[in-house]
Amino acid sequence: MDSLRKLQVLAAEFERLGEQGVRSAKEMAELVLSLQEDFRQLTRQRKELSSLYEVARDLTGASELGCLLESIIDKALELVKAERGFVVLARPEGGYYVAAARRFDSAALDAQKEGFSSSLIERVLQSREPILTTNVQADERFELSQSIILQDIRSVLAVPLIARGELLGAIYVDTRMETRHFSEADLRLLQMMASQAAMAIRGAKLYEDLKESNEQLQSTLEELREAQEQLIQAERLAAVGRLAASVAHELRSPLMVMRNSLYYLERLVSLGKLDNPEILRRYFGKLDAEIERQSKIINDLLFFSRNRPRRLSDVDVNALLEETLLRVSMPESITVHKELEPSLGPLRADGDQLQQVFLNLITNAVQAMPEGGVLTLRSRAEEGGYVVIEVSDTGVGIPEENIDKLFEPFFTTKPSGIGLGLSVVQSIVEGHKGYVRVSSTPGEGTTFSVFLPLQLIG
């Protein structure tokens, strides 16, 4: 026997005792009746809380806005036992639209054909306050709502949907004449559900906005990727054009010098004037210098155009600098000063690639001192596991506005050269997990500092 039944039996027993004249039986019977009413209220509240818990659980699981709105109207109809229901959502620019409509039997409604009181919905949206009517036919607020009066609507509930102070819309439900009318308890229950529904709608709208933004972002990224590929292709074509023009110009000049030298050597042979070794030495020197010049152009092109894998070995940096100096035609007007740390350990690197770095830097330093000067080579170990190699000159220096452009391919301020030397330097050094720094003062000179890790991994 449940608790309510026990209270009913107890009340009947006290009533019987009261009829028999037992003292205080009447007061005890009234107390039992009061307890019965309290018990009924607690039971109703428990059912309401249980229903709201189930509603909250179901709404939390829905993230797609359309499905969520259908679920909201279904739960609202079930919660207050309404016959029809509508969820309207507020438009950002003002007004509202019907987002979901349903009958209690789960049949879909045509909101255009089955009307409801638009004035009531507008009042709820404007005031942000709920509306309850138990009898539409006698309620003056509905005297202009002919659509629902003609449909024999008896009772109406409408509550706003508000989340974090933002008005999202409203829930509207109603019943017809032959069914029960809504109560204050129904209004309270629908309001509590509306609070949960509003938060769920806000979350779903944020999710859809995020999803839409993500799709737009993906589309933009795709367009950007295509534009970038087109830009890279255009830059490659432009680079090929600049390269072809630079190489043609740079190779034509030494070839003309070599051709002229060969012409004069041929003249000397035909005239039988081969007895002057100074003249021969001069022309052979020109041939050798121009061959070296072409060799550097070709080497720069090879390093720039192909990514040759490193061949690592233990490299003596000081010995490599000494060897590189022997490959450079050093004018008599330039003095070479060396500050090489003798205790410098071997460096794990690609010796051929590093020699190309040193050759380009030393050649640039020599060309920066057309009137002569001092070329200084330094090497030292630095804390952090780096070896530092510095190539300094006392030449013309580099203007500040050109410092950031030095390592760009094809950038050069020289009357000759294709502008790949420093690009090759940076590419090789970064391939060794190192970096290059430049300091220069116009009219005083320039220093290039190459930082290379002692132990190259990978």
Protein backbone atom coordinates (compact mmCIF):
# COMPACT_ATOMS: atom_id res chain seq x y z
CA MET A 1 0.00 0.00 0.00
CA ASP A 2 1.55 3.37 -1.04
CA SER A 3 1.90 6.39 1.23
CA LEU A 4 -1.07 8.27 -0.25
CA ARG A 5 -3.35 5.25 0.23
CA LYS A 6 -2.20 4.92 3.85
CA LEU A 7 -3.04 8.57 4.49
CA GLN A 8 -6.49 8.06 2.96
CA VAL A 9 -7.15 5.04 5.22
CA LEU A 10 -5.94 7.02 8.24
CA ALA A 11 -8.24 9.96 7.35
CA ALA A 12 -11.22 7.61 7.04
CA GLU A 13 -10.40 6.07 10.44
CA PHE A 14 -10.25 9.49 12.12
CA GLU A 15 -13.56 10.42 10.50
CA ARG A 16 -15.14 7.24 11.90
CA LEU A 17 -13.70 8.00 15.34
CA GLY A 18 -15.05 11.54 15.13
CA GLU A 19 -18.54 10.24 14.43
CA GLN A 20 -18.20 8.06 17.57
CA GLY A 21 -17.38 11.15 19.63
CA VAL A 22 -13.69 10.44 20.27
CA ARG A 23 -12.02 13.63 21.54
CA SER A 24 -9.53 15.38 19.16
CA ALA A 25 -10.42 13.03 16.32
CA LYS A 26 -11.70 15.95 14.23
CA GLU A 27 -8.47 17.94 14.64
CA MET A 28 -6.43 14.86 13.80
CA ALA A 29 -8.52 14.26 10.69
CA GLU A 30 -7.91 17.83 9.51
CA LEU A 31 -4.20 17.36 10.06
CA VAL A 32 -4.22 14.18 8.01
CA LEU A 33 -6.10 15.94 5.20
CA SER A 34 -3.45 18.68 5.26
CA LEU A 35 -0.73 16.06 5.07
CA GLN A 36 -2.52 14.48 2.12
CA GLU A 37 -2.52 17.80 0.27
CA ASP A 38 1.18 18.37 1.04
CA PHE A 39 1.95 14.87 -0.16
CA ARG A 40 0.08 15.47 -3.41
CA GLN A 41 2.03 18.71 -3.99
CA LEU A 42 5.35 17.01 -3.32
CA THR A 43 4.40 14.20 -5.68
CA ARG A 44 3.50 16.71 -8.39
CA GLN A 45 6.74 18.62 -7.88
CA ARG A 46 8.71 15.40 -8.06
CA LYS A 47 7.04 14.52 -11.35
CA GLU A 48 7.68 18.04 -12.69
CA LEU A 49 11.36 17.89 -11.74
CA SER A 50 11.65 14.44 -13.24
CA SER A 51 10.06 15.67 -16.47
CA LEU A 52 12.33 18.74 -16.58
CA TYR A 53 15.38 16.54 -15.99
CA GLU A 54 14.41 14.33 -18.93
CA VAL A 55 13.78 17.41 -21.09
CA ALA A 56 17.18 18.88 -20.18
CA ARG A 57 18.89 15.58 -20.93
CA ASP A 58 17.25 15.29 -24.34
CA LEU A 59 17.87 18.92 -25.29
CA THR A 60 21.52 18.77 -24.26
CA GLY A 61 22.11 15.90 -26.66
CA ALA A 62 20.90 17.86 -29.72
CA SER A 63 23.35 20.19 -31.48
CA GLU A 64 21.71 20.59 -34.92
CA LEU A 65 19.30 23.53 -34.68
CA GLY A 66 16.46 22.07 -36.76
CA CYS A 67 16.33 18.81 -34.79
CA LEU A 68 16.62 20.76 -31.53
CA LEU A 69 13.62 22.97 -32.32
CA GLU A 70 11.48 19.94 -33.21
CA SER A 71 12.51 18.32 -29.93
CA ILE A 72 11.66 21.49 -27.97
CA ILE A 73 8.13 21.71 -29.31
CA ASP A 74 7.56 17.98 -28.74
CA LYS A 75 8.71 18.27 -25.12
CA ALA A 76 6.59 21.39 -24.53
CA LEU A 77 3.43 19.68 -25.80
CA GLU A 78 4.09 16.63 -23.65
CA LEU A 79 5.01 18.65 -20.57
CA VAL A 80 1.79 20.72 -20.35
CA LYS A 81 -0.47 18.36 -22.33
CA ALA A 82 -1.14 20.92 -25.07
CA GLU A 83 -2.71 20.12 -28.44
CA ARG A 84 -0.72 22.45 -30.66
CA GLY A 85 2.62 24.14 -30.32
CA PHE A 86 4.84 26.64 -32.15
CA VAL A 87 8.43 27.79 -31.64
CA VAL A 88 9.13 31.22 -33.08
CA LEU A 89 12.60 32.73 -33.39
CA ALA A 90 13.36 36.44 -33.38
CA ARG A 91 15.01 37.95 -36.46
CA PRO A 92 18.14 40.13 -35.91
CA GLU A 93 16.55 42.93 -37.93
CA GLY A 94 13.25 42.70 -36.03
CA GLY A 95 10.12 40.57 -36.20
CA TYR A 96 10.03 36.79 -35.98
CA TYR A 97 9.42 33.60 -37.98
CA VAL A 98 7.91 30.21 -37.17
CA ALA A 99 10.79 27.76 -36.76
CA ALA A 100 8.81 24.67 -35.66
CA ALA A 101 5.14 23.69 -35.41
CA ARG A 102 3.53 20.47 -34.15
CA ARG A 103 0.35 18.80 -32.96
CA PHE A 104 0.28 16.68 -29.84
CA ASP A 105 -0.04 13.58 -32.03
CA SER A 106 3.37 14.50 -33.58
CA ALA A 107 1.78 15.59 -36.83
CA ALA A 108 3.44 18.53 -38.50
CA LEU A 109 1.50 21.78 -38.76
CA ASP A 110 1.35 24.25 -41.60
CA ALA A 111 1.89 27.53 -39.75
CA GLN A 112 0.50 29.44 -42.73
CA LYS A 113 -2.86 27.61 -42.61
CA GLU A 114 -3.29 27.04 -38.87
CA GLY A 115 -2.99 30.45 -37.34
CA PHE A 116 -2.18 31.56 -33.85
CA SER A 117 -2.29 34.96 -32.20
CA SER A 118 0.54 36.96 -33.73
CA SER A 119 -0.35 39.94 -31.53
CA LEU A 120 0.09 37.76 -28.45
CA ILE A 121 3.51 36.55 -29.67
CA GLU A 122 4.59 40.12 -30.42
CA ARG A 123 3.47 41.17 -26.92
CA VAL A 124 5.54 38.37 -25.37
CA LEU A 125 8.61 39.27 -27.45
CA GLN A 126 8.32 42.98 -26.68
CA SER A 127 7.64 42.64 -22.96
CA ARG A 128 9.74 39.50 -22.40
CA GLU A 129 6.94 38.38 -20.06
CA PRO A 130 4.85 35.17 -20.30
CA ILE A 131 1.11 35.13 -21.04
CA LEU A 132 -1.48 32.65 -19.73
CA THR A 133 -5.15 32.60 -20.57
CA THR A 134 -7.61 29.95 -19.45
CA ASN A 135 -10.40 31.06 -21.77
CA VAL A 136 -9.61 32.73 -25.05
CA GLN A 137 -13.26 33.33 -25.81
CA ALA A 138 -13.67 35.58 -22.76
CA ASP A 139 -10.20 37.18 -22.79
CA GLU A 140 -10.22 40.71 -24.24
CA ARG A 141 -6.56 40.33 -25.23
CA PHE A 142 -7.70 37.86 -27.93
CA GLU A 143 -10.75 39.70 -29.25
CA LEU A 144 -8.90 40.55 -32.47
CA SER A 145 -7.40 37.06 -32.90
CA GLN A 146 -10.18 35.68 -35.09
CA SER A 147 -7.98 32.81 -36.34
CA ILE A 148 -7.75 31.06 -32.97
CA ILE A 149 -11.29 32.00 -31.91
CA LEU A 150 -12.66 30.35 -35.03
CA GLN A 151 -10.60 27.23 -34.27
CA ASP A 152 -12.31 26.92 -30.88
CA ILE A 153 -9.06 27.46 -28.97
CA ARG A 154 -9.76 27.48 -25.21
CA SER A 155 -6.48 28.02 -23.37
CA VAL A 156 -3.14 29.53 -24.44
CA LEU A 157 0.37 29.63 -22.98
CA ALA A 158 3.26 31.69 -24.40
CA VAL A 159 6.68 32.18 -22.80
CA PRO A 160 9.79 34.01 -24.06
CA LEU A 161 13.06 32.23 -24.85
CA ILE A 162 15.85 34.21 -23.18
CA ALA A 163 19.48 33.09 -22.78
CA ARG A 164 22.11 35.26 -21.06
CA GLY A 165 19.89 38.30 -21.52
CA GLU A 166 19.44 37.71 -25.26
CA LEU A 167 15.89 37.33 -26.60
CA LEU A 168 15.88 34.36 -28.95
CA GLY A 169 12.12 33.85 -29.53
CA ALA A 170 9.13 32.29 -27.79
CA ILE A 171 7.20 29.05 -27.24
CA TYR A 172 3.43 29.10 -27.88
CA VAL A 173 1.05 26.23 -27.00
CA ASP A 174 -2.76 26.00 -26.88
CA THR A 175 -5.71 23.64 -26.33
CA ARG A 176 -9.25 23.52 -27.72
CA MET A 177 -12.60 23.91 -25.98
CA GLU A 178 -13.15 20.25 -25.16
CA THR A 179 -9.78 19.78 -23.45
CA ARG A 180 -8.47 21.04 -20.14
CA HIS A 181 -7.29 24.61 -19.65
CA PHE A 182 -3.79 25.56 -18.57
CA SER A 183 -2.95 26.48 -14.98
CA GLU A 184 -0.34 28.56 -13.20
CA ALA A 185 1.52 25.30 -12.53
CA ASP A 186 1.66 24.66 -16.30
CA LEU A 187 2.97 28.17 -16.86
CA ARG A 188 5.67 27.70 -14.22
CA LEU A 189 6.66 24.36 -15.76
CA LEU A 190 6.84 25.76 -19.30
CA GLN A 191 8.91 28.72 -18.10
CA MET A 192 11.46 26.42 -16.50
CA MET A 193 11.65 24.37 -19.66
CA ALA A 194 11.99 27.55 -21.76
CA SER A 195 15.10 28.54 -19.79
CA GLN A 196 16.73 25.22 -20.65
CA ALA A 197 15.53 25.39 -24.25
CA ALA A 198 16.88 28.93 -24.72
CA MET A 199 20.37 27.90 -23.60
CA ALA A 200 20.23 24.87 -25.91
CA ILE A 201 19.11 27.06 -28.85
CA ARG A 202 21.87 29.56 -28.14
CA GLY A 203 24.44 26.76 -28.11
CA ALA A 204 23.07 25.26 -31.34
CA LYS A 205 23.10 28.65 -33.08
CA LEU A 206 26.66 29.27 -31.95
CA TYR A 207 27.58 25.81 -33.24
CA GLU A 208 25.94 26.51 -36.60
CA ASP A 209 27.61 29.93 -36.80
CA LEU A 210 30.94 28.29 -36.02
CA LYS A 211 30.27 25.58 -38.58
CA GLU A 212 29.35 28.16 -41.21
CA SER A 213 32.39 30.27 -40.35
CA ASN A 214 34.58 27.19 -40.60
CA GLU A 215 33.14 26.35 -44.03
CA GLN A 216 33.74 29.93 -45.16
CA LEU A 217 37.25 29.78 -43.77
CA GLN A 218 37.92 26.51 -45.58
CA SER A 219 36.61 28.03 -48.80
CA THR A 220 38.75 31.13 -48.29
CA LEU A 221 41.80 29.00 -47.53
CA GLU A 222 41.19 26.99 -50.69
CA GLU A 223 40.93 30.19 -52.74
CA LEU A 224 44.04 31.52 -51.01
CA ARG A 225 45.90 28.28 -51.73
CA GLU A 226 44.95 28.46 -55.40
CA ALA A 227 45.97 32.12 -55.57
CA GLN A 228 49.23 31.30 -53.81
CA GLU A 229 49.97 28.51 -56.29
CA GLN A 230 49.26 30.86 -59.17
CA LEU A 231 51.48 33.49 -57.56
CA ILE A 232 54.28 30.97 -57.02
CA GLN A 233 53.97 29.82 -60.62
CA ALA A 234 54.06 33.41 -61.84
CA GLU A 235 57.05 34.14 -59.60
CA ARG A 236 58.82 31.05 -60.93
CA LEU A 237 58.25 32.17 -64.49
CA ALA A 238 59.46 35.66 -63.62
CA ALA A 239 62.49 34.18 -61.83
CA VAL A 240 63.29 32.03 -64.85
CA GLY A 241 63.08 35.13 -67.03
CA ARG A 242 65.36 37.14 -64.73
CA LEU A 243 67.74 34.21 -64.43
CA ALA A 244 67.93 33.71 -68.18
CA ALA A 245 68.60 37.42 -68.74
CA SER A 246 71.23 37.58 -65.97
CA VAL A 247 73.02 34.43 -67.03
CA ALA A 248 73.03 35.48 -70.69
CA HIS A 249 74.53 38.84 -69.76
CA GLU A 250 77.06 37.47 -67.28
CA LEU A 251 78.29 34.69 -69.56
CA ARG A 252 78.44 36.90 -72.64
CA SER A 253 80.92 39.31 -71.05
CA PRO A 254 83.59 36.74 -70.01
CA LEU A 255 83.14 34.91 -73.31
CA MET A 256 83.85 38.14 -75.19
CA VAL A 257 86.96 38.74 -73.07
CA MET A 258 88.11 35.16 -73.66
CA ARG A 259 87.43 35.48 -77.38
CA ASN A 260 89.42 38.72 -77.58
CA SER A 261 92.29 37.16 -75.63
CA LEU A 262 92.36 34.15 -77.94
CA TYR A 263 92.27 36.51 -80.94
CA TYR A 264 95.34 38.40 -79.72
CA LEU A 265 97.13 35.15 -78.85
CA GLU A 266 96.40 33.92 -82.36
CA ARG A 267 97.80 37.18 -83.78
CA LEU A 268 100.94 36.74 -81.71
CA VAL A 269 101.35 33.23 -83.04
CA SER A 270 100.82 34.33 -86.65
CA LEU A 271 103.33 37.18 -86.21
CA GLY A 272 105.81 34.93 -84.47
CA LYS A 273 105.89 37.13 -81.36
CA LEU A 274 105.82 34.43 -78.71
CA ASP A 275 109.13 35.48 -77.20
CA ASN A 276 107.53 37.93 -74.72
CA PRO A 277 106.39 35.86 -71.67
CA GLU A 278 104.87 38.94 -69.97
CA ILE A 279 102.38 39.42 -72.77
CA LEU A 280 101.50 35.72 -72.75
CA ARG A 281 101.10 35.74 -68.98
CA ARG A 282 98.73 38.70 -69.23
CA TYR A 283 96.40 37.03 -71.74
CA PHE A 284 96.51 33.66 -70.01
CA GLY A 285 95.69 35.45 -66.76
CA LYS A 286 92.64 37.03 -68.39
CA LEU A 287 91.52 33.65 -69.65
CA ASP A 288 91.96 32.09 -66.23
CA ALA A 289 90.08 34.91 -64.45
CA GLU A 290 87.13 34.72 -66.83
CA ILE A 291 86.99 30.93 -66.57
CA GLU A 292 86.90 31.30 -62.76
CA ARG A 293 84.16 33.88 -63.09
CA GLN A 294 82.04 31.56 -65.23
CA SER A 295 82.74 28.68 -62.87
CA LYS A 296 81.37 30.70 -59.93
CA ILE A 297 78.23 31.58 -61.88
CA ILE A 298 77.66 27.93 -62.74
CA ASN A 299 78.31 26.80 -59.15
CA ASP A 300 75.85 29.36 -57.78
CA LEU A 301 73.24 28.23 -60.26
CA LEU A 302 73.77 24.57 -59.34
CA PHE A 303 73.49 25.24 -55.60
CA PHE A 304 70.44 27.45 -56.11
CA SER A 305 68.55 25.20 -58.51
CA ARG A 306 68.97 21.80 -56.87
CA ASN A 307 68.72 20.59 -53.31
CA ARG A 308 71.75 18.33 -53.13
CA PRO A 309 71.74 16.23 -49.94
CA ARG A 310 74.44 17.04 -47.41
CA ARG A 311 77.44 14.72 -47.14
CA LEU A 312 78.45 15.12 -43.53
CA SER A 313 81.99 14.63 -42.26
CA ASP A 314 84.31 16.14 -39.66
CA VAL A 315 85.44 19.46 -41.14
CA ASP A 316 88.43 21.53 -40.00
CA VAL A 317 86.99 25.04 -40.41
CA ASN A 318 90.35 26.83 -40.21
CA ALA A 319 91.91 24.58 -42.87
CA LEU A 320 88.85 25.04 -45.08
CA LEU A 321 89.16 28.84 -44.81
CA GLU A 322 92.89 28.64 -45.75
CA GLU A 323 92.07 26.42 -48.73
CA THR A 324 89.31 28.76 -49.88
CA LEU A 325 91.67 31.74 -49.79
CA LEU A 326 93.92 29.98 -52.31
CA ARG A 327 91.02 29.78 -54.77
CA VAL A 328 90.42 33.56 -54.75
CA SER A 329 92.45 35.89 -56.95
CA MET A 330 93.56 38.36 -54.30
CA PRO A 331 94.60 41.83 -55.54
CA GLU A 332 97.90 43.15 -54.18
CA SER A 333 96.04 46.17 -52.78
CA ILE A 334 94.17 43.95 -50.27
CA THR A 335 95.76 42.74 -47.04
CA VAL A 336 94.49 39.50 -45.53
CA HIS A 337 94.32 39.36 -41.74
CA LYS A 338 93.48 36.06 -40.01
CA GLU A 339 92.24 35.54 -36.45
CA LEU A 340 91.57 31.80 -36.44
CA GLU A 341 91.13 30.06 -33.09
CA PRO A 342 93.72 27.25 -33.12
CA SER A 343 91.91 25.08 -30.56
CA LEU A 344 88.72 24.98 -32.59
CA GLY A 345 87.44 21.41 -32.79
CA PRO A 346 86.11 19.69 -35.92
CA LEU A 347 82.70 20.69 -37.23
CA ARG A 348 80.15 18.15 -38.41
CA ALA A 349 79.17 19.53 -41.82
CA ASP A 350 79.36 19.21 -45.60
CA GLY A 351 82.81 20.53 -46.48
CA ASP A 352 82.04 21.26 -50.16
CA GLN A 353 78.97 23.29 -49.28
CA LEU A 354 80.78 25.27 -46.57
CA GLN A 355 83.60 26.05 -48.98
CA GLN A 356 81.01 27.49 -51.35
CA VAL A 357 79.74 29.69 -48.48
CA PHE A 358 83.25 30.95 -47.64
CA LEU A 359 84.11 31.43 -51.34
CA ASN A 360 81.04 33.60 -51.94
CA LEU A 361 81.59 35.71 -48.81
CA ILE A 362 85.32 36.24 -49.45
CA THR A 363 84.68 37.07 -53.13
CA ASN A 364 82.04 39.63 -52.13
CA ALA A 365 84.41 41.17 -49.59
CA VAL A 366 87.15 41.52 -52.21
CA GLN A 367 84.74 43.09 -54.70
CA ALA A 368 83.61 45.55 -52.01
CA MET A 369 87.18 46.95 -51.80
CA PRO A 370 87.99 48.09 -55.39
CA GLU A 371 90.57 50.56 -54.04
CA GLY A 372 92.09 48.02 -51.67
CA GLY A 373 91.68 47.44 -47.95
CA VAL A 374 91.84 44.77 -45.25
CA LEU A 375 90.11 41.39 -45.43
CA THR A 376 89.74 39.79 -41.99
CA LEU A 377 88.82 36.16 -41.36
CA ARG A 378 87.89 35.08 -37.84
CA SER A 379 86.81 31.79 -36.31
CA ARG A 380 85.81 31.02 -32.73
CA ALA A 381 83.66 28.74 -30.61
CA GLU A 382 80.65 30.30 -28.89
CA GLU A 383 78.59 29.21 -25.92
CA GLY A 384 75.57 27.20 -26.91
CA GLY A 385 77.47 24.79 -29.15
CA TYR A 386 78.07 27.07 -32.15
CA VAL A 387 81.11 27.83 -34.29
CA VAL A 388 81.21 31.42 -35.60
CA ILE A 389 83.03 32.34 -38.82
CA GLU A 390 83.33 36.05 -39.65
CA VAL A 391 84.33 37.60 -42.97
CA SER A 392 84.99 41.34 -42.66
CA ASP A 393 86.08 43.98 -45.15
CA THR A 394 86.91 47.67 -45.01
CA GLY A 395 85.06 48.39 -48.23
CA VAL A 396 82.20 50.57 -49.39
CA GLY A 397 79.62 49.11 -46.97
CA ILE A 398 75.95 48.40 -47.57
CA PRO A 399 73.16 51.03 -47.36
CA GLU A 400 70.66 50.32 -44.58
CA GLU A 401 67.75 50.08 -47.02
CA ASN A 402 69.48 47.17 -48.81
CA ILE A 403 70.32 45.07 -45.73
CA ASP A 404 66.94 43.28 -45.71
CA LYS A 405 67.20 42.52 -49.45
CA LEU A 406 70.67 40.99 -49.43
CA PHE A 407 69.54 37.35 -49.36
CA GLU A 408 66.78 37.72 -51.96
CA PRO A 409 67.51 35.81 -55.17
CA PHE A 410 68.70 38.00 -58.05
CA PHE A 411 69.13 41.10 -55.88
CA THR A 412 72.46 42.78 -56.55
CA THR A 413 73.93 46.29 -56.58
CA LYS A 414 77.05 45.24 -58.47
CA PRO A 415 77.58 46.09 -62.14
CA SER A 416 78.20 42.36 -62.71
CA GLY A 417 76.84 39.21 -61.12
CA ILE A 418 73.44 37.50 -61.08
CA GLY A 419 72.61 38.09 -57.40
CA LEU A 420 72.58 34.47 -56.23
CA GLY A 421 75.72 34.37 -54.09
CA LEU A 422 74.18 35.39 -50.78
CA SER A 423 71.00 33.39 -51.48
CA VAL A 424 73.21 30.32 -51.83
CA VAL A 425 75.02 31.24 -48.60
CA GLN A 426 71.79 31.52 -46.63
CA SER A 427 70.36 28.33 -48.12
CA ILE A 428 73.45 26.27 -47.24
CA VAL A 429 73.82 27.71 -43.72
CA GLU A 430 70.15 27.21 -42.87
CA GLY A 431 70.42 23.68 -44.29
CA HIS A 432 73.08 23.13 -41.62
CA LYS A 433 70.65 24.42 -38.93
CA GLY A 434 72.63 27.65 -38.63
CA TYR A 435 72.03 31.32 -39.43
CA VAL A 436 73.77 34.39 -40.88
CA ARG A 437 74.05 37.89 -39.44
CA VAL A 438 75.14 41.07 -41.24
CA SER A 439 76.49 44.32 -39.85
CA SER A 440 77.59 47.15 -42.11
CA THR A 441 78.48 50.83 -42.05
CA PRO A 442 78.50 52.65 -45.40
CA GLY A 443 82.00 53.88 -46.19
CA GLU A 444 83.62 51.77 -43.44
CA GLY A 445 82.96 48.12 -44.26
CA THR A 446 80.84 45.03 -43.73
CA THR A 447 80.97 41.89 -41.58
CA PHE A 448 79.14 38.64 -42.34
CA SER A 449 78.89 36.28 -39.36
CA VAL A 450 78.05 32.62 -39.98
CA PHE A 451 76.77 30.60 -36.98
CA LEU A 452 76.98 26.82 -37.37
CA PRO A 453 76.15 24.12 -34.78
CA LEU A 454 79.09 21.95 -33.73
CA GLN A 455 76.98 18.79 -33.84
CA LEU A 456 74.60 18.69 -36.78
CA ILE A 457 71.81 16.19 -36.26
CA GLY A 458 69.93 15.01 -39.34
